[in-house]
């Protein structure tokens, strides 16, 4: 996802330097840069636009850029770039995540971007890292890494821990399928969604059907359905 970055800077050399640094540091993100050079233009633009990130000089031709925050709400993180250090406190009180003193180098810029990167849009999928489960009157945060497999039984979904614990999950196999990392979990049939580390052994029992042994062990045979068998084998070979 291309980031939209607003640069409020009135010095040509500073704009050229910043643009070149961002081109190198954000090559994969392919950001769209919008450059403005006055407080007035920044206020007018921000009234109708919501960038992902803002770079802002302090001293502009028509005033101090901090005045922007008095005139229009700003939700994007701001990296301030300036030759003056006396505005640092005000900057950090106005969406400031980094304060770079000119002249700064590429390493300074890289460190500043690292501070805000987690706040910016990403094309990387985000999978659940834990489930909140109930047992009796108690609640437990169950890490996904501790789950061996999910098992549907009588319209109830259970998460079975590698250590053997079993907890009800308020969801369905279909529902959790998009919430789990497909590199780790695979739905082998209508009843089981298994973690790759829970598979101890496999036995081909007929054309297109595979019997798997899980840990913790189940009292019943766990069979990869015929329609899932080919995908299952491809998943194992990734």
C-alpha atoms as a PDB file:
ATOM      1  CA  UNK A   1       0.000   0.000   0.000  1.00  0.00           C
ATOM      2  CA  UNK A   2       1.522   3.329  -1.071  1.00  0.00           C
ATOM      3  CA  UNK A   3       1.849   5.783   1.785  1.00  0.00           C
ATOM      4  CA  UNK A   4       0.671   9.351   1.331  1.00  0.00           C
ATOM      5  CA  UNK A   5       3.279  11.640   2.871  1.00  0.00           C
ATOM      6  CA  UNK A   6       2.850  15.386   3.306  1.00  0.00           C
ATOM      7  CA  UNK A   7       6.068  17.415   3.348  1.00  0.00           C
ATOM      8  CA  UNK A   8       5.752  20.988   4.615  1.00  0.00           C
ATOM      9  CA  UNK A   9       9.070  22.567   3.672  1.00  0.00           C
ATOM     10  CA  UNK A  10       9.935  25.925   2.085  1.00  0.00           C
ATOM     11  CA  UNK A  11      13.659  25.421   1.443  1.00  0.00           C
ATOM     12  CA  UNK A  12      14.475  23.846  -1.904  1.00  0.00           C
ATOM     13  CA  UNK A  13      17.699  22.154  -0.788  1.00  0.00           C
ATOM     14  CA  UNK A  14      15.941  20.636   2.236  1.00  0.00           C
ATOM     15  CA  UNK A  15      13.076  19.374   0.077  1.00  0.00           C
ATOM     16  CA  UNK A  16      15.491  17.843  -2.449  1.00  0.00           C
ATOM     17  CA  UNK A  17      17.480  16.135   0.308  1.00  0.00           C
ATOM     18  CA  UNK A  18      14.395  14.786   2.071  1.00  0.00           C
ATOM     19  CA  UNK A  19      12.865  13.529  -1.172  1.00  0.00           C
ATOM     20  CA  UNK A  20      16.061  11.665  -2.090  1.00  0.00           C
ATOM     21  CA  UNK A  21      16.349  10.072   1.360  1.00  0.00           C
ATOM     22  CA  UNK A  22      12.753   8.886   1.297  1.00  0.00           C
ATOM     23  CA  UNK A  23      13.195   7.452  -2.182  1.00  0.00           C
ATOM     24  CA  UNK A  24      15.959   5.212  -0.832  1.00  0.00           C
ATOM     25  CA  UNK A  25      14.498   4.358   2.573  1.00  0.00           C
ATOM     26  CA  UNK A  26      10.924   3.760   1.395  1.00  0.00           C
ATOM     27  CA  UNK A  27      11.589   2.097  -1.943  1.00  0.00           C
ATOM     28  CA  UNK A  28       9.229  -0.819  -1.198  1.00  0.00           C
ATOM     29  CA  UNK A  29       6.438   1.446   0.062  1.00  0.00           C
ATOM     30  CA  UNK A  30       6.547   3.663  -3.056  1.00  0.00           C
ATOM     31  CA  UNK A  31       5.138   6.688  -1.182  1.00  0.00           C
ATOM     32  CA  UNK A  32       3.198   9.506  -2.768  1.00  0.00           C
ATOM     33  CA  UNK A  33       4.803  12.793  -1.686  1.00  0.00           C
ATOM     34  CA  UNK A  34       2.831  16.032  -1.473  1.00  0.00           C
ATOM     35  CA  UNK A  35       4.908  19.142  -0.921  1.00  0.00           C
ATOM     36  CA  UNK A  36       3.546  22.393   0.532  1.00  0.00           C
ATOM     37  CA  UNK A  37       5.593  25.381   1.690  1.00  0.00           C
ATOM     38  CA  UNK A  38       3.355  27.603   3.824  1.00  0.00           C
ATOM     39  CA  UNK A  39       1.278  27.343   6.989  1.00  0.00           C
ATOM     40  CA  UNK A  40      -1.770  28.525   5.063  1.00  0.00           C
ATOM     41  CA  UNK A  41      -1.475  25.875   2.352  1.00  0.00           C
ATOM     42  CA  UNK A  42      -0.887  23.144   4.930  1.00  0.00           C
ATOM     43  CA  UNK A  43      -4.009  24.112   6.881  1.00  0.00           C
ATOM     44  CA  UNK A  44      -6.171  24.224   3.758  1.00  0.00           C
ATOM     45  CA  UNK A  45      -4.860  20.880   2.500  1.00  0.00           C
ATOM     46  CA  UNK A  46      -5.255  19.121   5.849  1.00  0.00           C
ATOM     47  CA  UNK A  47      -8.874  20.249   6.112  1.00  0.00           C
ATOM     48  CA  UNK A  48      -9.680  17.907   3.225  1.00  0.00           C
ATOM     49  CA  UNK A  49      -6.963  15.253   3.392  1.00  0.00           C
ATOM     50  CA  UNK A  50      -5.589  12.794   5.916  1.00  0.00           C
ATOM     51  CA  UNK A  51      -2.001  11.754   5.098  1.00  0.00           C
ATOM     52  CA  UNK A  52      -0.290   8.729   6.590  1.00  0.00           C
ATOM     53  CA  UNK A  53       2.779  10.706   7.663  1.00  0.00           C
ATOM     54  CA  UNK A  54       3.869  14.348   7.805  1.00  0.00           C
ATOM     55  CA  UNK A  55       7.339  15.882   7.582  1.00  0.00           C
ATOM     56  CA  UNK A  56       7.249  19.465   8.781  1.00  0.00           C
ATOM     57  CA  UNK A  57       9.802  22.258   8.949  1.00  0.00           C
ATOM     58  CA  UNK A  58       9.230  24.683  11.836  1.00  0.00           C
ATOM     59  CA  UNK A  59      10.032  28.060  10.278  1.00  0.00           C
ATOM     60  CA  UNK A  60       8.062  28.712   7.096  1.00  0.00           C
ATOM     61  CA  UNK A  61       7.711  31.799   4.952  1.00  0.00           C
ATOM     62  CA  UNK A  62       4.385  32.814   6.512  1.00  0.00           C
ATOM     63  CA  UNK A  63       4.954  31.725  10.107  1.00  0.00           C
ATOM     64  CA  UNK A  64       5.604  28.823  12.463  1.00  0.00           C
ATOM     65  CA  UNK A  65       4.295  25.440  11.334  1.00  0.00           C
ATOM     66  CA  UNK A  66       3.137  24.624  14.869  1.00  0.00           C
ATOM     67  CA  UNK A  67       0.291  27.078  14.205  1.00  0.00           C
ATOM     68  CA  UNK A  68      -1.156  24.467  11.848  1.00  0.00           C
ATOM     69  CA  UNK A  69      -2.241  22.393  14.847  1.00  0.00           C
ATOM     70  CA  UNK A  70      -4.194  25.324  16.286  1.00  0.00           C
ATOM     71  CA  UNK A  71      -6.287  25.594  13.137  1.00  0.00           C
ATOM     72  CA  UNK A  72      -6.951  22.045  11.971  1.00  0.00           C
ATOM     73  CA  UNK A  73      -7.016  18.619  13.678  1.00  0.00           C
ATOM     74  CA  UNK A  74      -4.090  16.390  12.697  1.00  0.00           C
ATOM     75  CA  UNK A  75      -4.086  12.649  13.398  1.00  0.00           C
ATOM     76  CA  UNK A  76      -1.043  11.580  11.353  1.00  0.00           C
ATOM     77  CA  UNK A  77       2.342  11.171  13.048  1.00  0.00           C
ATOM     78  CA  UNK A  78       4.674  14.104  12.413  1.00  0.00           C
ATOM     79  CA  UNK A  79       8.445  14.136  11.989  1.00  0.00           C
ATOM     80  CA  UNK A  80       9.727  17.674  12.497  1.00  0.00           C
ATOM     81  CA  UNK A  81      12.772  18.834  10.522  1.00  0.00           C
ATOM     82  CA  UNK A  82      14.307  22.127  11.598  1.00  0.00           C
ATOM     83  CA  UNK A  83      17.484  24.060  12.319  1.00  0.00           C
ATOM     84  CA  UNK A  84      16.084  25.215  15.663  1.00  0.00           C
ATOM     85  CA  UNK A  85      16.088  23.117  18.824  1.00  0.00           C
ATOM     86  CA  UNK A  86      13.927  25.386  21.017  1.00  0.00           C
ATOM     87  CA  UNK A  87      10.644  24.041  19.606  1.00  0.00           C
ATOM     88  CA  UNK A  88      11.164  20.399  20.576  1.00  0.00           C
ATOM     89  CA  UNK A  89       8.742  20.405  23.533  1.00  0.00           C
ATOM     90  CA  UNK A  90       5.950  22.039  21.515  1.00  0.00           C
ATOM     91  CA  UNK A  91       6.613  19.638  18.658  1.00  0.00           C
ATOM     92  CA  UNK A  92       6.210  16.532  20.803  1.00  0.00           C
ATOM     93  CA  UNK A  93       2.962  17.960  22.181  1.00  0.00           C
ATOM     94  CA  UNK A  94       1.621  18.223  18.615  1.00  0.00           C
ATOM     95  CA  UNK A  95       1.798  14.735  17.099  1.00  0.00           C
ATOM     96  CA  UNK A  96       5.600  14.865  17.020  1.00  0.00           C
ATOM     97  CA  UNK A  97       7.254  11.442  16.939  1.00  0.00           C
ATOM     98  CA  UNK A  98      10.735  12.619  15.973  1.00  0.00           C
ATOM     99  CA  UNK A  99      12.615  15.917  15.885  1.00  0.00           C
ATOM    100  CA  UNK A 100      15.449  16.101  13.371  1.00  0.00           C
ATOM    101  CA  UNK A 101      17.902  18.980  13.522  1.00  0.00           C
ATOM    102  CA  UNK A 102      19.195  20.168  10.152  1.00  0.00           C
ATOM    103  CA  UNK A 103      21.450  19.115   8.646  1.00  0.00           C
ATOM    104  CA  UNK A 104      20.527  15.491   9.348  1.00  0.00           C
ATOM    105  CA  UNK A 105      21.776  12.418   7.546  1.00  0.00           C
ATOM    106  CA  UNK A 106      20.170   9.263   6.212  1.00  0.00           C
ATOM    107  CA  UNK A 107      20.825   7.354   9.436  1.00  0.00           C
ATOM    108  CA  UNK A 108      18.928  10.010  11.416  1.00  0.00           C
ATOM    109  CA  UNK A 109      16.050   9.751   8.966  1.00  0.00           C
ATOM    110  CA  UNK A 110      16.031   5.960   9.140  1.00  0.00           C
ATOM    111  CA  UNK A 111      15.767   6.064  12.936  1.00  0.00           C
ATOM    112  CA  UNK A 112      12.918   8.573  12.750  1.00  0.00           C
ATOM    113  CA  UNK A 113      10.958   6.457  10.277  1.00  0.00           C
ATOM    114  CA  UNK A 114      11.485   3.387  12.462  1.00  0.00           C
ATOM    115  CA  UNK A 115       9.616   5.193  15.253  1.00  0.00           C
ATOM    116  CA  UNK A 116       6.496   5.685  13.145  1.00  0.00           C
ATOM    117  CA  UNK A 117       6.576   2.670  10.828  1.00  0.00           C
ATOM    118  CA  UNK A 118       4.308   0.559  13.056  1.00  0.00           C
ATOM    119  CA  UNK A 119       1.668   3.316  12.860  1.00  0.00           C
ATOM    120  CA  UNK A 120       1.573   3.352   9.074  1.00  0.00           C
ATOM    121  CA  UNK A 121      -0.544   1.243   6.686  1.00  0.00           C
ATOM    122  CA  UNK A 122       0.894  -2.116   5.707  1.00  0.00           C
ATOM    123  CA  UNK A 123       0.002  -4.753   3.144  1.00  0.00           C
ATOM    124  CA  UNK A 124       1.252  -7.442   5.493  1.00  0.00           C
ATOM    125  CA  UNK A 125      -1.633  -9.476   6.928  1.00  0.00           C
ATOM    126  CA  UNK A 126      -2.106  -9.425  10.671  1.00  0.00           C
ATOM    127  CA  UNK A 127      -3.040 -12.733  12.257  1.00  0.00           C
ATOM    128  CA  UNK A 128      -4.296 -13.386  15.765  1.00  0.00           C
ATOM    129  CA  UNK A 129      -1.584 -13.956  18.326  1.00  0.00           C
ATOM    130  CA  UNK A 130      -3.906 -15.030  21.159  1.00  0.00           C
ATOM    131  CA  UNK A 131      -7.482 -15.959  22.028  1.00  0.00           C
ATOM    132  CA  UNK A 132      -9.375 -14.916  25.148  1.00  0.00           C
ATOM    133  CA  UNK A 133     -10.945 -18.102  26.523  1.00  0.00           C
ATOM    134  CA  UNK A 134     -13.150 -18.897  29.505  1.00  0.00           C
ATOM    135  CA  UNK A 135     -12.981 -21.856  31.826  1.00  0.00           C
ATOM    136  CA  UNK A 136     -15.496 -21.781  34.639  1.00  0.00           C
ATOM    137  CA  UNK A 137     -15.510 -18.277  36.051  1.00  0.00           C
ATOM    138  CA  UNK A 138     -11.941 -17.673  34.918  1.00  0.00           C
ATOM    139  CA  UNK A 139     -10.528 -15.968  31.831  1.00  0.00           C
ATOM    140  CA  UNK A 140      -7.277 -16.852  30.106  1.00  0.00           C
ATOM    141  CA  UNK A 141      -5.300 -15.276  27.289  1.00  0.00           C
ATOM    142  CA  UNK A 142      -4.293 -18.287  25.204  1.00  0.00           C
ATOM    143  CA  UNK A 143      -1.319 -17.702  22.861  1.00  0.00           C
ATOM    144  CA  UNK A 144      -1.847 -19.107  19.374  1.00  0.00           C
ATOM    145  CA  UNK A 145       1.669 -20.555  19.571  1.00  0.00           C
ATOM    146  CA  UNK A 146       0.461 -22.816  22.404  1.00  0.00           C
ATOM    147  CA  UNK A 147      -2.387 -24.308  20.340  1.00  0.00           C
ATOM    148  CA  UNK A 148      -1.879 -27.717  18.719  1.00  0.00           C
ATOM    149  CA  UNK A 149      -5.189 -27.779  16.878  1.00  0.00           C
ATOM    150  CA  UNK A 150      -8.792 -26.623  16.810  1.00  0.00           C
ATOM    151  CA  UNK A 151     -11.542 -29.226  16.930  1.00  0.00           C
ATOM    152  CA  UNK A 152     -15.246 -28.798  16.153  1.00  0.00           C
ATOM    153  CA  UNK A 153     -17.504 -31.024  18.213  1.00  0.00           C
ATOM    154  CA  UNK A 154     -21.322 -30.837  18.439  1.00  0.00           C
ATOM    155  CA  UNK A 155     -21.383 -27.257  17.112  1.00  0.00           C
ATOM    156  CA  UNK A 156     -18.756 -26.216  19.665  1.00  0.00           C
ATOM    157  CA  UNK A 157     -15.214 -25.250  18.732  1.00  0.00           C
ATOM    158  CA  UNK A 158     -12.362 -26.217  21.037  1.00  0.00           C
ATOM    159  CA  UNK A 159      -8.755 -25.077  21.069  1.00  0.00           C
ATOM    160  CA  UNK A 160      -6.505 -27.902  22.221  1.00  0.00           C
ATOM    161  CA  UNK A 161      -3.217 -26.829  23.757  1.00  0.00           C
ATOM    162  CA  UNK A 162       0.062 -28.556  23.046  1.00  0.00           C
ATOM    163  CA  UNK A 163       0.168 -29.178  26.801  1.00  0.00           C
ATOM    164  CA  UNK A 164      -3.229 -30.900  26.636  1.00  0.00           C
ATOM    165  CA  UNK A 165      -5.594 -28.190  27.879  1.00  0.00           C
ATOM    166  CA  UNK A 166      -8.882 -27.766  26.054  1.00  0.00           C
ATOM    167  CA  UNK A 167     -10.846 -24.519  25.827  1.00  0.00           C
ATOM    168  CA  UNK A 168     -14.043 -23.403  24.126  1.00  0.00           C
ATOM    169  CA  UNK A 169     -13.576 -20.810  21.374  1.00  0.00           C
ATOM    170  CA  UNK A 170     -16.548 -18.602  20.534  1.00  0.00           C
ATOM    171  CA  UNK A 171     -16.153 -19.031  16.786  1.00  0.00           C
ATOM    172  CA  UNK A 172     -16.295 -21.589  13.989  1.00  0.00           C
ATOM    173  CA  UNK A 173     -13.607 -23.313  11.937  1.00  0.00           C
ATOM    174  CA  UNK A 174     -14.606 -21.182   8.977  1.00  0.00           C
ATOM    175  CA  UNK A 175     -14.464 -18.073  11.134  1.00  0.00           C
ATOM    176  CA  UNK A 176     -10.973 -18.656  12.503  1.00  0.00           C
ATOM    177  CA  UNK A 177      -9.539 -19.712   9.142  1.00  0.00           C
ATOM    178  CA  UNK A 178      -8.858 -16.105   8.111  1.00  0.00           C
ATOM    179  CA  UNK A 179      -7.518 -15.176  11.558  1.00  0.00           C
ATOM    180  CA  UNK A 180      -4.708 -17.735  11.646  1.00  0.00           C
ATOM    181  CA  UNK A 181      -1.412 -17.759   9.784  1.00  0.00           C
ATOM    182  CA  UNK A 182      -1.895 -20.213   6.883  1.00  0.00           C
ATOM    183  CA  UNK A 183       1.789 -21.115   7.060  1.00  0.00           C
ATOM    184  CA  UNK A 184       1.158 -22.673  10.481  1.00  0.00           C
ATOM    185  CA  UNK A 185      -2.471 -23.885  10.437  1.00  0.00           C
ATOM    186  CA  UNK A 186      -4.392 -25.983   7.931  1.00  0.00           C
ATOM    187  CA  UNK A 187      -7.992 -27.213   7.969  1.00  0.00           C
ATOM    188  CA  UNK A 188      -7.705 -30.909   7.147  1.00  0.00           C
ATOM    189  CA  UNK A 189     -11.442 -31.687   7.266  1.00  0.00           C
ATOM    190  CA  UNK A 190     -14.708 -30.320   8.618  1.00  0.00           C
ATOM    191  CA  UNK A 191     -13.651 -31.042  12.177  1.00  0.00           C
ATOM    192  CA  UNK A 192      -9.953 -30.199  12.540  1.00  0.00           C
ATOM    193  CA  UNK A 193      -7.703 -27.201  11.959  1.00  0.00           C
ATOM    194  CA  UNK A 194      -4.187 -28.352  12.848  1.00  0.00           C
ATOM    195  CA  UNK A 195      -0.865 -26.676  13.565  1.00  0.00           C
ATOM    196  CA  UNK A 196       1.960 -28.147  11.527  1.00  0.00           C
ATOM    197  CA  UNK A 197       3.943 -28.916  14.696  1.00  0.00           C
ATOM    198  CA  UNK A 198       1.061 -31.031  16.035  1.00  0.00           C
ATOM    199  CA  UNK A 199       1.450 -33.567  13.215  1.00  0.00           C
ATOM    200  CA  UNK A 200       3.566 -36.486  14.435  1.00  0.00           C
ATOM    201  CA  UNK A 201       3.142 -38.863  11.512  1.00  0.00           C
ATOM    202  CA  UNK A 202       1.067 -39.448   8.373  1.00  0.00           C
ATOM    203  CA  UNK A 203      -0.148 -42.579   6.629  1.00  0.00           C
ATOM    204  CA  UNK A 204      -1.687 -42.770   3.171  1.00  0.00           C
ATOM    205  CA  UNK A 205      -4.641 -45.115   3.664  1.00  0.00           C
ATOM    206  CA  UNK A 206      -6.324 -44.847   0.282  1.00  0.00           C
ATOM    207  CA  UNK A 207      -6.217 -42.822  -2.869  1.00  0.00           C
ATOM    208  CA  UNK A 208      -6.571 -39.202  -1.843  1.00  0.00           C
ATOM    209  CA  UNK A 209      -6.957 -39.887   1.893  1.00  0.00           C
ATOM    210  CA  UNK A 210      -4.305 -39.449   4.568  1.00  0.00           C
ATOM    211  CA  UNK A 211      -4.442 -40.467   8.210  1.00  0.00           C
ATOM    212  CA  UNK A 212      -2.549 -38.173  10.564  1.00  0.00           C
ATOM    213  CA  UNK A 213      -1.396 -38.721  14.105  1.00  0.00           C
ATOM    214  CA  UNK A 214      -1.629 -35.629  16.264  1.00  0.00           C
ATOM    215  CA  UNK A 215      -0.182 -34.625  19.581  1.00  0.00           C
ATOM    216  CA  UNK A 216      -1.983 -34.409  21.936  1.00  0.00           C
ATOM    217  CA  UNK A 217      -3.411 -37.661  20.616  1.00  0.00           C
ATOM    218  CA  UNK A 218      -7.075 -38.110  19.732  1.00  0.00           C
ATOM    219  CA  UNK A 219      -9.137 -41.192  20.529  1.00  0.00           C
ATOM    220  CA  UNK A 220     -10.562 -41.163  17.012  1.00  0.00           C
ATOM    221  CA  UNK A 221      -8.867 -41.495  13.635  1.00  0.00           C
ATOM    222  CA  UNK A 222      -8.006 -38.113  12.168  1.00  0.00           C
ATOM    223  CA  UNK A 223      -8.326 -38.268   8.389  1.00  0.00           C
ATOM    224  CA  UNK A 224      -7.507 -35.607   5.845  1.00  0.00           C
ATOM    225  CA  UNK A 225     -10.580 -35.392   3.638  1.00  0.00           C
ATOM    226  CA  UNK A 226     -10.193 -36.408   0.010  1.00  0.00           C
ATOM    227  CA  UNK A 227     -11.014 -32.924  -1.266  1.00  0.00           C
ATOM    228  CA  UNK A 228      -8.387 -31.376   1.042  1.00  0.00           C
ATOM    229  CA  UNK A 229      -5.671 -33.973   0.526  1.00  0.00           C
ATOM    230  CA  UNK A 230      -3.871 -32.372  -2.425  1.00  0.00           C
ATOM    231  CA  UNK A 231      -3.863 -28.933  -0.809  1.00  0.00           C
ATOM    232  CA  UNK A 232      -2.667 -30.521   2.426  1.00  0.00           C
ATOM    233  CA  UNK A 233       0.306 -32.111   0.697  1.00  0.00           C
ATOM    234  CA  UNK A 234       1.151 -28.834  -1.034  1.00  0.00           C
ATOM    235  CA  UNK A 235       0.950 -27.055   2.336  1.00  0.00           C
ATOM    236  CA  UNK A 236       3.369 -29.550   3.886  1.00  0.00           C
ATOM    237  CA  UNK A 237       5.884 -28.886   1.125  1.00  0.00           C
ATOM    238  CA  UNK A 238       5.974 -25.106   1.371  1.00  0.00           C
END
